[in-house]
Amino acid sequence: MRNFHFAGRSTVHAQNAMVATSHPEAALAAIEVMREGGTAADAAVAACALLGVIEPQSTGIGGDCFALIQPRGEGKITAYNGSGRAPMAATADWYLERKIHSVPLTSAHAVSIPGAVDAWDVILKDHGKFGFDRLLQPAIKAAEEGYVVAPRIAFDWKNGFEKLKNGTNTERYLLPHGRPAVAGDVIRQPELGKTLRAIAQKGRDAFYSGEIAADMVDTLRGIGGLHTLEDFAAHSTEATSPIGTMYKGYDVWQCPPNGPGITMLVMLNILSRFDLTKFKPLSIERFHLEAEAARIAYMMREQHIGDPQHVHVDVAGILAREFAEEHIKNIRMDRLLELPNVAPPMNPSTVYITVVDKDRNVCSFINSIAHSFGSAIVSNKTGVLLQNRAGGFRIQPGHPNCIAPGKRPLHTIIPALVTRNGRALMPYGVMGGQYQPVGQTRVLTNMLDYGCDIQEAIDMPRGLHYEGVYQLEDSVPAEIVEGLKKIGHKTTSVVAPLGGGQGIWIDWDKGTLTGGSDPRKDGCALGY
């Protein structure tokens, strides 16, 4: 229970339906869709399409999408993999012959085929009542009539100024006044509005073929890309079964590779062998164990995970008890494990949306254009800002995540779902690139080990052990920072907050929903 001397947010409570997003307008759009009789999937797509306009640094139709959906909160969970593929001409040899050893993040080579629009289409056909004609209207209105820039988005816009000044068409589309947008500015994107209108009228094919696809291909090929119209036309979404593990009697589900949700599951498998309740929620010991679990899990990810349609990924072996045991026995509380250094190539930006509707359909939904403002390439005429997700590939023959024709890169975005005895309890997620598996682990252990409510669990100070340095939010107490240094951690204070998160807890006995949304973003939870 929240102590009211703490000036934090309250949890949000409702009986019928609940949504939590990173922007109030998106949360409101989702609620309006559900009030009209739409499902959780309908609400998520409407909110996400709108966020692709009003939170342009994080998401859009030029990006990718993953989702976990459980109808009526019981029974079969479906994992949707809406990640795009490399062009068919993108061989490792092509890059190596040109002395390119890593994918330049603002080049056409960083652009994989955007998967989001097709994923939305497949999800709506399986779980929706409405179509794009209704669900894209809030996004169309925002693009054509204008939207007001929110504070956190303005912060990211300012940080992205140099990138946007030097991008392809970004100055024209995303720096309308020749400077970054500031909070309170009204921004219009009529070209993007026209593109969204075409998708609303003609469906997903309007994006993957015809004039819109031709413009994206022309833009990319004009700056050296290998993309073709055939690459866009061939794109498809994969619907599959989730992967999971058990923590403290709860089942935790993730999308399978090439999604990186397995990283979070490995962290849970490691931490499940420790009694975290012996340590305070904000303590040197807890931060240290979380970092060690993350270092082991991220090393596994970089060494073993790629697109299972191209390489063998031993999911069962990685999630087996023996895999965690092998590393747990070496963890010490007074020093760091000696592990090979891994340098994950991505640290992207994302939106996460969680929705539960009146029928308890559950949707855990995430959409991203990878780095903040993606590739900084906007298609010439359509206003579509393209992702740089292919920047996550290695150009390293033999590596499971080496670029190859039609291959999907190792991702960072992970929607999560917690169930008990087969019943949904909490669809949730934490945004923020490489932080996501750590963030999800932290929020869940805050709740299951320390008894936090969903909002307290999201609010608590965070840290990320990344590339050999423990990045700690300013709110982490000084004595913990000093204690971590004493046992060998290199630490740094992060200016921007680590990630953002949303979650909804379902109380089946009371028939109520409890939502939380991260104050590190502009958004909120809303219910009715």
Protein backbone atom coordinates (compact mmCIF):
# COMPACT_ATOMS: atom_id res chain seq x y z
CA MET A 1 0.00 0.00 0.00
CA ARG A 2 1.30 3.43 -0.97
CA ASN A 3 2.51 5.66 1.85
CA PHE A 4 0.86 9.01 1.22
CA HIS A 5 3.81 11.03 2.54
CA PHE A 6 5.45 9.98 -0.74
CA ALA A 7 4.53 12.47 -3.44
CA GLY A 8 4.10 9.88 -6.16
CA ARG A 9 1.24 8.93 -8.42
CA SER A 10 -1.76 6.94 -7.26
CA THR A 11 -2.73 3.74 -9.00
CA VAL A 12 -5.74 4.01 -11.34
CA HIS A 13 -8.74 1.74 -10.72
CA ALA A 14 -11.68 0.71 -12.91
CA GLN A 15 -14.20 -2.09 -13.39
CA ASN A 16 -14.81 -2.21 -17.12
CA ALA A 17 -11.62 -1.52 -19.06
CA MET A 18 -8.16 -0.07 -18.60
CA VAL A 19 -5.33 1.23 -20.75
CA ALA A 20 -1.89 2.64 -19.96
CA THR A 21 0.27 4.42 -22.53
CA SER A 22 3.09 6.96 -22.67
CA HIS A 23 0.79 9.85 -23.73
CA PRO A 24 -2.64 10.93 -22.37
CA GLU A 25 -4.09 11.49 -25.86
CA ALA A 26 -3.28 7.90 -26.81
CA ALA A 27 -4.81 6.55 -23.60
CA LEU A 28 -7.95 8.60 -24.26
CA ALA A 29 -8.16 7.34 -27.87
CA ALA A 30 -8.00 3.75 -26.60
CA ILE A 31 -10.74 4.36 -24.02
CA GLU A 32 -12.99 5.92 -26.68
CA VAL A 33 -12.54 2.88 -28.93
CA MET A 34 -13.49 0.51 -26.10
CA ARG A 35 -16.50 2.64 -25.11
CA GLU A 36 -17.69 2.19 -28.71
CA GLY A 37 -17.47 -1.59 -28.29
CA GLY A 38 -13.94 -2.16 -29.56
CA THR A 39 -11.64 -4.82 -28.15
CA ALA A 40 -8.30 -4.49 -26.39
CA ALA A 41 -6.60 -5.12 -29.76
CA ASP A 42 -8.64 -2.35 -31.43
CA ALA A 43 -7.73 0.04 -28.63
CA ALA A 44 -4.02 -0.81 -28.79
CA VAL A 45 -3.84 -0.21 -32.55
CA ALA A 46 -5.70 3.12 -32.30
CA ALA A 47 -3.41 4.27 -29.49
CA CYS A 48 -0.27 3.11 -31.27
CA ALA A 49 -1.15 4.72 -34.59
CA LEU A 50 -1.74 8.01 -32.75
CA LEU A 51 1.55 7.69 -30.84
CA GLY A 52 3.30 7.26 -34.20
CA VAL A 53 2.27 10.85 -34.95
CA ILE A 54 2.48 12.57 -31.56
CA GLU A 55 5.52 10.71 -30.17
CA PRO A 56 7.56 10.57 -33.42
CA GLN A 57 10.92 9.90 -31.78
CA SER A 58 9.66 6.58 -30.40
CA THR A 59 7.37 4.89 -32.87
CA GLY A 60 5.45 5.04 -36.13
CA ILE A 61 4.32 3.14 -39.20
CA GLY A 62 7.95 3.03 -40.30
CA GLY A 63 8.76 0.68 -37.40
CA ASP A 64 8.09 -2.78 -35.98
CA CYS A 65 5.59 -4.33 -33.56
CA PHE A 66 5.38 -7.28 -31.15
CA ALA A 67 2.34 -8.29 -29.10
CA LEU A 68 1.03 -10.93 -26.70
CA ILE A 69 -2.75 -11.42 -26.73
CA GLN A 70 -4.91 -13.66 -24.55
CA PRO A 71 -8.65 -13.68 -25.34
CA ARG A 72 -10.81 -13.24 -22.22
CA GLY A 73 -7.67 -13.54 -20.10
CA GLU A 74 -7.77 -17.32 -20.25
CA GLY A 75 -6.50 -20.05 -22.51
CA LYS A 76 -4.21 -19.71 -25.48
CA ILE A 77 -1.77 -16.81 -25.64
CA THR A 78 -0.62 -15.80 -29.13
CA ALA A 79 2.69 -14.05 -29.72
CA TYR A 80 2.78 -11.76 -32.77
CA ASN A 81 6.16 -11.05 -34.32
CA GLY A 82 5.83 -8.00 -36.54
CA SER A 83 9.53 -7.44 -37.10
CA GLY A 84 10.81 -6.51 -40.53
CA ARG A 85 13.45 -8.29 -42.56
CA ALA A 86 16.64 -7.26 -44.30
CA PRO A 87 16.42 -6.68 -48.08
CA MET A 88 17.06 -9.80 -50.17
CA ALA A 89 20.23 -8.21 -51.54
CA ALA A 90 21.71 -7.62 -48.05
CA THR A 91 24.42 -10.28 -47.78
CA ALA A 92 27.30 -10.07 -45.31
CA ASP A 93 29.71 -10.39 -48.26
CA TRP A 94 28.22 -7.30 -49.93
CA TYR A 95 29.11 -5.21 -46.86
CA LEU A 96 32.49 -6.79 -46.20
CA GLU A 97 33.57 -6.29 -49.83
CA ARG A 98 32.93 -2.57 -49.25
CA LYS A 99 34.83 -2.56 -45.93
CA ILE A 100 31.59 -2.00 -43.95
CA HIS A 101 31.97 -3.90 -40.66
CA SER A 102 28.95 -2.53 -38.78
CA VAL A 103 25.67 -1.08 -40.01
CA PRO A 104 25.76 2.76 -39.98
CA LEU A 105 22.73 3.78 -37.92
CA THR A 106 21.59 6.71 -40.09
CA SER A 107 22.17 4.99 -43.42
CA ALA A 108 19.67 3.23 -45.66
CA HIS A 109 21.34 -0.04 -44.62
CA ALA A 110 19.92 0.39 -41.10
CA VAL A 111 16.35 0.31 -42.47
CA SER A 112 14.68 -3.10 -42.34
CA ILE A 113 11.25 -3.46 -43.94
CA PRO A 114 8.75 -1.86 -41.51
CA GLY A 115 6.58 -4.57 -39.96
CA ALA A 116 4.11 -2.62 -37.83
CA VAL A 117 1.29 -1.98 -40.31
CA ASP A 118 1.06 -5.64 -41.33
CA ALA A 119 1.22 -6.75 -37.68
CA TRP A 120 -1.65 -4.40 -36.79
CA ASP A 121 -3.64 -5.82 -39.69
CA VAL A 122 -3.09 -9.45 -38.64
CA ILE A 123 -3.84 -8.70 -34.97
CA LEU A 124 -7.08 -6.89 -35.89
CA LYS A 125 -8.22 -9.75 -38.12
CA ASP A 126 -7.63 -12.20 -35.26
CA HIS A 127 -8.84 -10.13 -32.29
CA GLY A 128 -10.46 -6.88 -33.45
CA LYS A 129 -13.97 -5.67 -34.25
CA PHE A 130 -12.98 -2.53 -36.13
CA GLY A 131 -10.74 -1.85 -39.10
CA PHE A 132 -8.15 0.74 -40.03
CA ASP A 133 -10.92 2.99 -41.36
CA ARG A 134 -12.06 3.66 -37.76
CA LEU A 135 -8.88 3.06 -35.77
CA LEU A 136 -6.53 5.37 -37.70
CA GLN A 137 -8.84 8.40 -37.40
CA PRO A 138 -7.21 9.88 -34.25
CA ALA A 139 -3.78 9.58 -35.90
CA ILE A 140 -5.03 11.15 -39.14
CA LYS A 141 -6.61 14.04 -37.26
CA ALA A 142 -3.42 14.69 -35.26
CA ALA A 143 -1.25 14.63 -38.39
CA GLU A 144 -3.53 16.84 -40.49
CA GLU A 145 -4.96 19.25 -37.89
CA GLY A 146 -1.94 19.33 -35.57
CA TYR A 147 -0.99 18.11 -32.12
CA VAL A 148 0.54 19.80 -29.09
CA VAL A 149 4.07 18.66 -28.18
CA ALA A 150 4.37 17.17 -24.67
CA PRO A 151 7.34 17.85 -22.35
CA ARG A 152 9.18 14.51 -22.46
CA ILE A 153 8.80 14.41 -26.24
CA ALA A 154 10.26 17.94 -26.43
CA PHE A 155 13.22 16.75 -24.31
CA ASP A 156 13.92 13.97 -26.83
CA TRP A 157 13.42 16.35 -29.77
CA LYS A 158 16.06 18.68 -28.36
CA ASN A 159 18.46 15.77 -27.86
CA GLY A 160 17.83 14.65 -31.45
CA PHE A 161 18.40 18.08 -33.04
CA GLU A 162 21.81 17.39 -34.61
CA LYS A 163 20.63 14.02 -35.89
CA LEU A 164 17.54 15.59 -37.48
CA LYS A 165 19.54 18.46 -39.00
CA ASN A 166 21.73 15.94 -40.81
CA GLY A 167 19.09 13.35 -41.73
CA THR A 168 17.35 12.61 -45.01
CA ASN A 169 14.27 14.86 -45.36
CA THR A 170 14.12 15.20 -41.55
CA GLU A 171 14.79 18.93 -41.51
CA ARG A 172 11.81 19.46 -43.80
CA TYR A 173 9.44 17.15 -41.94
CA LEU A 174 10.58 17.22 -38.32
CA LEU A 175 12.18 20.65 -37.84
CA PRO A 176 9.39 22.84 -39.23
CA HIS A 177 10.69 25.99 -37.49
CA GLY A 178 14.35 25.16 -38.07
CA ARG A 179 14.68 24.17 -34.41
CA PRO A 180 13.51 21.32 -32.17
CA ALA A 181 9.87 21.40 -31.17
CA VAL A 182 9.33 22.62 -27.61
CA ALA A 183 6.54 21.76 -25.19
CA GLY A 184 3.37 23.54 -26.26
CA ASP A 185 4.29 23.79 -29.96
CA VAL A 186 1.64 22.68 -32.46
CA ILE A 187 3.05 20.36 -35.13
CA ARG A 188 1.29 19.31 -38.34
CA GLN A 189 2.37 16.53 -40.69
CA PRO A 190 -0.02 16.62 -43.65
CA GLU A 191 2.03 14.20 -45.79
CA LEU A 192 1.93 11.58 -43.03
CA GLY A 193 -1.78 12.27 -42.62
CA LYS A 194 -2.32 11.55 -46.32
CA THR A 195 -0.38 8.28 -45.99
CA LEU A 196 -2.41 7.21 -42.95
CA ARG A 197 -5.61 8.13 -44.82
CA ALA A 198 -4.59 5.83 -47.69
CA ILE A 199 -3.99 2.93 -45.25
CA ALA A 200 -7.35 3.64 -43.58
CA GLN A 201 -9.11 3.47 -46.94
CA LYS A 202 -7.23 0.67 -48.71
CA GLY A 203 -5.74 -1.40 -45.85
CA ARG A 204 -2.23 -2.73 -45.30
CA ASP A 205 -1.64 -3.21 -49.05
CA ALA A 206 -1.60 0.56 -49.47
CA PHE A 207 1.61 0.58 -47.42
CA TYR A 208 3.39 -2.48 -48.82
CA SER A 209 2.65 -1.90 -52.53
CA GLY A 210 1.74 0.98 -54.80
CA GLU A 211 2.77 4.63 -54.44
CA ILE A 212 3.69 4.60 -50.74
CA ALA A 213 5.98 1.57 -51.03
CA ALA A 214 7.48 2.95 -54.26
CA ASP A 215 8.30 6.22 -52.52
CA MET A 216 9.99 4.43 -49.60
CA VAL A 217 12.03 2.30 -52.02
CA ASP A 218 12.99 5.33 -54.16
CA THR A 219 14.07 7.24 -51.04
CA LEU A 220 16.20 4.37 -49.74
CA ARG A 221 17.76 3.44 -53.09
CA GLY A 222 18.53 7.11 -53.67
CA ILE A 223 20.87 7.06 -50.67
CA GLY A 224 22.47 3.69 -51.38
CA GLY A 225 19.91 1.21 -50.03
CA LEU A 226 19.39 -2.31 -51.39
CA HIS A 227 15.61 -2.33 -50.93
CA THR A 228 13.15 -3.32 -53.66
CA LEU A 229 9.39 -3.23 -54.11
CA GLU A 230 9.50 -7.03 -53.90
CA ASP A 231 11.03 -6.80 -50.40
CA PHE A 232 8.06 -4.71 -49.24
CA ALA A 233 5.46 -6.85 -51.00
CA ALA A 234 6.87 -10.06 -49.48
CA HIS A 235 6.64 -8.90 -45.86
CA SER A 236 4.54 -10.98 -43.45
CA THR A 237 3.85 -11.24 -39.70
CA GLU A 238 4.49 -14.42 -37.72
CA ALA A 239 1.91 -15.61 -35.18
CA THR A 240 3.40 -18.13 -32.79
CA SER A 241 3.40 -19.42 -29.21
CA PRO A 242 5.07 -17.48 -26.40
CA ILE A 243 8.00 -18.72 -24.33
CA GLY A 244 7.97 -18.55 -20.55
CA THR A 245 9.34 -19.37 -17.14
CA MET A 246 7.97 -19.50 -13.59
CA TYR A 247 8.88 -16.98 -10.89
CA LYS A 248 7.49 -17.20 -7.33
CA GLY A 249 4.54 -19.29 -8.55
CA TYR A 250 3.67 -16.96 -11.44
CA ASP A 251 4.15 -17.76 -15.14
CA VAL A 252 5.91 -15.03 -17.10
CA TRP A 253 5.51 -15.00 -20.90
CA GLN A 254 7.52 -13.39 -23.68
CA CYS A 255 7.61 -13.46 -27.48
CA PRO A 256 10.19 -15.98 -28.75
CA PRO A 257 13.35 -15.02 -30.68
CA ASN A 258 14.21 -13.03 -32.75
CA GLY A 259 12.61 -11.07 -29.92
CA PRO A 260 14.93 -10.77 -26.90
CA GLY A 261 12.34 -11.62 -24.23
CA ILE A 262 14.36 -14.74 -23.42
CA THR A 263 16.90 -12.35 -21.82
CA MET A 264 14.39 -11.36 -19.15
CA LEU A 265 13.41 -14.99 -18.55
CA VAL A 266 17.05 -15.95 -17.96
CA MET A 267 17.35 -13.05 -15.46
CA LEU A 268 14.31 -14.38 -13.58
CA ASN A 269 15.72 -17.92 -13.58
CA ILE A 270 18.91 -16.60 -11.97
CA LEU A 271 17.23 -14.33 -9.43
CA SER A 272 14.72 -17.04 -8.46
CA ARG A 273 17.61 -18.83 -6.70
CA PHE A 274 18.16 -15.88 -4.34
CA ASP A 275 15.90 -14.69 -1.54
CA LEU A 276 15.69 -11.03 -2.51
CA THR A 277 13.56 -10.28 0.55
CA LYS A 278 16.70 -10.63 2.70
CA PHE A 279 17.75 -7.30 1.17
CA LYS A 280 15.98 -3.96 1.16
CA PRO A 281 14.33 -2.96 -2.14
CA LEU A 282 16.89 -0.15 -2.42
CA SER A 283 20.12 -1.86 -1.34
CA ILE A 284 23.64 -2.52 -2.59
CA GLU A 285 22.98 -6.28 -2.59
CA ARG A 286 19.85 -6.06 -4.70
CA PHE A 287 21.40 -3.72 -7.29
CA HIS A 288 24.46 -5.98 -7.44
CA LEU A 289 22.45 -9.20 -7.97
CA GLU A 290 20.31 -7.53 -10.62
CA ALA A 291 23.43 -6.40 -12.47
CA GLU A 292 25.04 -9.85 -12.34
CA ALA A 293 21.85 -11.52 -13.60
CA ALA A 294 21.68 -8.96 -16.41
CA ARG A 295 25.32 -9.41 -17.39
CA ILE A 296 24.86 -13.20 -17.65
CA ALA A 297 21.58 -12.92 -19.57
CA TYR A 298 22.86 -10.28 -22.00
CA MET A 299 26.01 -12.31 -22.68
CA MET A 300 23.77 -15.28 -23.52
CA ARG A 301 21.67 -13.13 -25.82
CA GLU A 302 24.61 -11.75 -27.77
CA GLN A 303 26.17 -15.19 -28.17
CA HIS A 304 23.14 -17.35 -28.96
CA ILE A 305 20.12 -15.38 -30.25
CA GLY A 306 19.23 -14.69 -33.87
CA ASP A 307 16.32 -15.20 -36.26
CA PRO A 308 15.18 -18.83 -35.74
CA GLN A 309 14.08 -18.93 -39.39
CA HIS A 310 17.79 -18.67 -40.27
CA VAL A 311 19.74 -20.12 -37.31
CA HIS A 312 19.11 -22.70 -34.58
CA VAL A 313 18.23 -21.12 -31.23
CA ASP A 314 18.14 -23.60 -28.33
CA VAL A 315 15.35 -21.91 -26.37
CA ALA A 316 14.68 -24.96 -24.18
CA GLY A 317 18.37 -25.35 -23.33
CA ILE A 318 18.80 -21.66 -22.48
CA LEU A 319 15.71 -21.68 -20.23
CA ALA A 320 16.67 -24.97 -18.55
CA ARG A 321 17.55 -24.94 -14.85
CA GLU A 322 21.06 -26.17 -15.65
CA PHE A 323 21.86 -23.08 -17.76
CA ALA A 324 21.13 -20.73 -14.86
CA GLU A 325 22.83 -23.04 -12.31
CA GLU A 326 26.08 -23.01 -14.27
CA HIS A 327 26.41 -19.26 -13.68
CA ILE A 328 24.67 -18.88 -10.30
CA LYS A 329 27.34 -20.91 -8.51
CA ASN A 330 29.94 -18.29 -9.49
CA ILE A 331 28.04 -15.20 -8.27
CA ARG A 332 29.65 -13.50 -5.27
CA MET A 333 28.28 -10.63 -3.20
CA ASP A 334 31.68 -8.94 -2.74
CA ARG A 335 32.87 -8.77 -6.34
CA LEU A 336 31.83 -8.95 -9.99
CA LEU A 337 31.79 -12.07 -12.12
CA GLU A 338 34.50 -12.27 -14.74
CA LEU A 339 32.55 -12.42 -18.00
CA PRO A 340 33.48 -11.79 -21.62
CA ASN A 341 32.65 -8.21 -22.63
CA VAL A 342 29.61 -7.89 -24.88
CA ALA A 343 28.63 -4.66 -26.60
CA PRO A 344 25.01 -4.79 -27.78
CA PRO A 345 24.73 -2.47 -30.78
CA MET A 346 21.38 -0.87 -30.01
CA ASN A 347 19.90 1.48 -27.41
CA PRO A 348 16.54 2.37 -28.93
CA SER A 349 13.34 4.29 -28.23
CA THR A 350 9.92 2.65 -28.01
CA VAL A 351 6.27 2.91 -26.96
CA TYR A 352 4.57 0.25 -24.86
CA ILE A 353 0.78 -0.05 -24.54
CA THR A 354 -1.19 -2.33 -22.24
CA VAL A 355 -4.95 -2.81 -22.56
CA VAL A 356 -7.61 -4.93 -20.85
CA ASP A 357 -11.18 -4.57 -22.12
CA LYS A 358 -14.57 -5.27 -20.52
CA ASP A 359 -14.48 -8.91 -21.69
CA ARG A 360 -10.99 -9.21 -20.14
CA ASN A 361 -9.31 -9.60 -23.50
CA VAL A 362 -5.69 -8.85 -22.70
CA CYS A 363 -3.25 -7.09 -25.01
CA SER A 364 0.44 -6.46 -24.27
CA PHE A 365 1.66 -4.39 -27.20
CA ILE A 366 4.93 -2.71 -28.15
CA ASN A 367 5.94 -0.68 -31.22
CA SER A 368 9.26 0.97 -32.05
CA ILE A 369 11.40 2.69 -34.68
CA ALA A 370 14.56 1.59 -32.78
CA HIS A 371 16.84 4.57 -31.94
CA SER A 372 15.26 7.91 -31.11
CA PHE A 373 13.95 9.25 -34.45
CA GLY A 374 14.95 5.94 -36.05
CA SER A 375 17.26 6.19 -39.03
CA ALA A 376 16.58 9.94 -39.42
CA ILE A 377 15.35 9.07 -42.92
CA VAL A 378 11.88 10.28 -43.91
CA SER A 379 10.44 8.94 -47.13
CA ASN A 380 10.47 11.69 -49.78
CA LYS A 381 6.73 12.31 -50.25
CA THR A 382 4.90 10.21 -47.65
CA GLY A 383 6.16 11.64 -44.34
CA VAL A 384 7.04 8.12 -43.09
CA LEU A 385 9.99 8.17 -40.66
CA LEU A 386 11.84 4.88 -41.14
CA GLN A 387 13.28 2.73 -38.37
CA ASN A 388 16.95 1.77 -38.03
CA ARG A 389 16.27 -1.69 -36.62
CA ALA A 390 18.70 -3.34 -39.07
CA GLY A 391 21.40 -1.50 -37.13
CA GLY A 392 20.95 -4.34 -34.65
CA PHE A 393 22.52 -6.85 -37.06
CA ARG A 394 26.14 -7.93 -36.87
CA ILE A 395 28.24 -8.03 -40.01
CA GLN A 396 30.10 -11.06 -38.75
CA PRO A 397 29.74 -14.32 -40.72
CA GLY A 398 28.96 -17.24 -38.43
CA HIS A 399 27.34 -15.06 -35.75
CA PRO A 400 23.67 -16.02 -35.14
CA ASN A 401 22.70 -12.36 -35.61
CA CYS A 402 24.73 -11.76 -38.78
CA ILE A 403 22.84 -9.89 -41.50
CA ALA A 404 21.44 -12.07 -44.30
CA PRO A 405 18.81 -11.76 -47.07
CA GLY A 406 15.29 -11.76 -45.63
CA LYS A 407 16.56 -12.19 -42.07
CA ARG A 408 15.05 -10.47 -39.02
CA PRO A 409 17.52 -8.71 -36.67
CA LEU A 410 17.84 -9.42 -32.97
CA HIS A 411 15.33 -7.02 -31.44
CA THR A 412 15.11 -5.12 -28.17
CA ILE A 413 11.33 -4.66 -27.79
CA ILE A 414 9.52 -7.09 -25.47
CA PRO A 415 5.87 -7.10 -24.37
CA ALA A 416 5.31 -9.26 -21.26
CA LEU A 417 2.36 -11.07 -19.72
CA VAL A 418 2.12 -12.60 -16.23
CA THR A 419 -0.40 -15.39 -15.62
CA ARG A 420 -1.30 -17.74 -12.78
CA ASN A 421 -2.97 -21.10 -13.34
CA GLY A 422 -3.47 -20.10 -16.97
CA ARG A 423 -5.28 -16.85 -16.15
CA ALA A 424 -3.95 -13.41 -17.09
CA LEU A 425 -2.87 -11.27 -14.14
CA MET A 426 -0.68 -8.53 -15.57
CA PRO A 427 0.09 -7.43 -19.13
CA TYR A 428 3.02 -5.05 -18.72
CA GLY A 429 6.16 -3.70 -20.31
CA VAL A 430 9.09 -1.38 -19.79
CA MET A 431 10.41 0.72 -22.67
CA GLY A 432 13.95 1.87 -23.20
CA GLY A 433 16.11 -0.17 -25.56
CA GLN A 434 18.61 -2.37 -23.79
CA TYR A 435 17.01 -1.57 -20.44
CA GLN A 436 13.81 -3.50 -21.19
CA PRO A 437 14.67 -6.96 -19.79
CA VAL A 438 16.18 -5.37 -16.66
CA GLY A 439 13.22 -3.01 -16.31
CA GLN A 440 10.65 -5.78 -16.61
CA THR A 441 12.58 -7.87 -14.08
CA ARG A 442 12.80 -4.94 -11.67
CA VAL A 443 9.10 -4.07 -11.88
CA LEU A 444 8.06 -7.70 -11.39
CA THR A 445 10.40 -8.34 -8.44
CA ASN A 446 9.29 -5.03 -6.90
CA MET A 447 5.78 -6.47 -6.87
CA LEU A 448 6.29 -10.18 -6.14
CA ASP A 449 9.24 -9.89 -3.71
CA TYR A 450 8.62 -6.49 -2.12
CA GLY A 451 4.84 -6.14 -2.23
CA CYS A 452 4.77 -2.91 -4.24
CA ASP A 453 1.64 -1.93 -6.11
CA ILE A 454 2.00 -1.49 -9.87
CA GLN A 455 2.69 2.25 -9.65
CA GLU A 456 5.25 1.95 -6.83
CA ALA A 457 6.94 -0.85 -8.78
CA ILE A 458 7.28 1.38 -11.85
CA ASP A 459 8.38 4.46 -9.87
CA MET A 460 11.28 2.88 -7.97
CA PRO A 461 14.82 4.10 -8.88
CA ARG A 462 16.58 2.13 -11.61
CA GLY A 463 19.97 1.08 -12.86
CA LEU A 464 21.33 -0.61 -16.00
CA HIS A 465 24.68 -2.39 -16.19
CA TYR A 466 25.59 -1.70 -19.82
CA GLU A 467 28.94 -2.01 -21.62
CA GLY A 468 30.85 -2.37 -18.36
CA VAL A 469 29.31 0.62 -16.56
CA TYR A 470 26.44 0.67 -14.06
CA GLN A 471 24.19 3.51 -15.22
CA LEU A 472 22.20 4.71 -12.21
CA GLU A 473 19.35 7.17 -12.06
CA ASP A 474 19.94 10.27 -9.89
CA SER A 475 17.33 9.00 -7.43
CA VAL A 476 19.52 6.01 -6.43
CA PRO A 477 20.80 6.88 -2.91
CA ALA A 478 24.45 7.98 -2.68
CA GLU A 479 25.34 5.26 -0.16
CA ILE A 480 24.24 2.59 -2.64
CA VAL A 481 26.36 4.14 -5.40
CA GLU A 482 29.38 4.16 -3.08
CA GLY A 483 28.72 0.60 -1.97
CA LEU A 484 28.55 -0.62 -5.57
CA LYS A 485 31.86 1.08 -6.32
CA LYS A 486 33.49 -0.66 -3.35
CA ILE A 487 32.69 -4.11 -4.78
CA GLY A 488 34.06 -3.20 -8.20
CA HIS A 489 31.26 -1.59 -10.17
CA LYS A 490 32.09 1.36 -12.39
CA THR A 491 29.12 3.71 -12.02
CA THR A 492 27.75 6.72 -13.82
CA SER A 493 24.71 8.92 -13.29
CA VAL A 494 22.24 9.02 -16.19
CA VAL A 495 20.66 12.34 -17.13
CA ALA A 496 17.73 10.92 -19.10
CA PRO A 497 15.52 8.55 -17.11
CA LEU A 498 15.89 4.83 -17.80
CA GLY A 499 12.96 3.71 -19.89
CA GLY A 500 9.30 4.08 -19.11
CA GLY A 501 6.72 1.47 -18.15
CA GLN A 502 3.06 0.56 -18.01
CA GLY A 503 1.12 -2.24 -16.41
CA ILE A 504 -2.40 -3.40 -15.54
CA TRP A 505 -3.15 -5.80 -12.68
CA ILE A 506 -6.34 -7.88 -13.00
CA ASP A 507 -8.19 -8.76 -9.78
CA TRP A 508 -10.55 -11.53 -10.84
CA ASP A 509 -12.16 -11.86 -7.39
CA LYS A 510 -13.12 -8.20 -7.10
CA GLY A 511 -13.74 -7.76 -10.83
CA THR A 512 -11.45 -4.73 -10.96
CA LEU A 513 -8.42 -3.46 -12.87
CA THR A 514 -5.48 -1.50 -11.44
CA GLY A 515 -3.23 0.51 -13.75
CA GLY A 516 0.11 2.24 -13.45
CA SER A 517 2.08 4.41 -15.87
CA ASP A 518 5.63 5.73 -15.69
CA PRO A 519 6.22 9.36 -14.65
CA ARG A 520 9.42 9.16 -16.71
CA LYS A 521 7.16 9.66 -19.75
CA ASP A 522 4.20 11.94 -20.51
CA GLY A 523 1.52 9.28 -20.23
CA CYS A 524 -1.02 7.86 -17.86
CA ALA A 525 -3.31 4.96 -17.08
CA LEU A 526 -7.03 5.51 -17.75
CA GLY A 527 -10.00 3.29 -17.03
CA TYR A 528 -13.77 3.39 -16.95
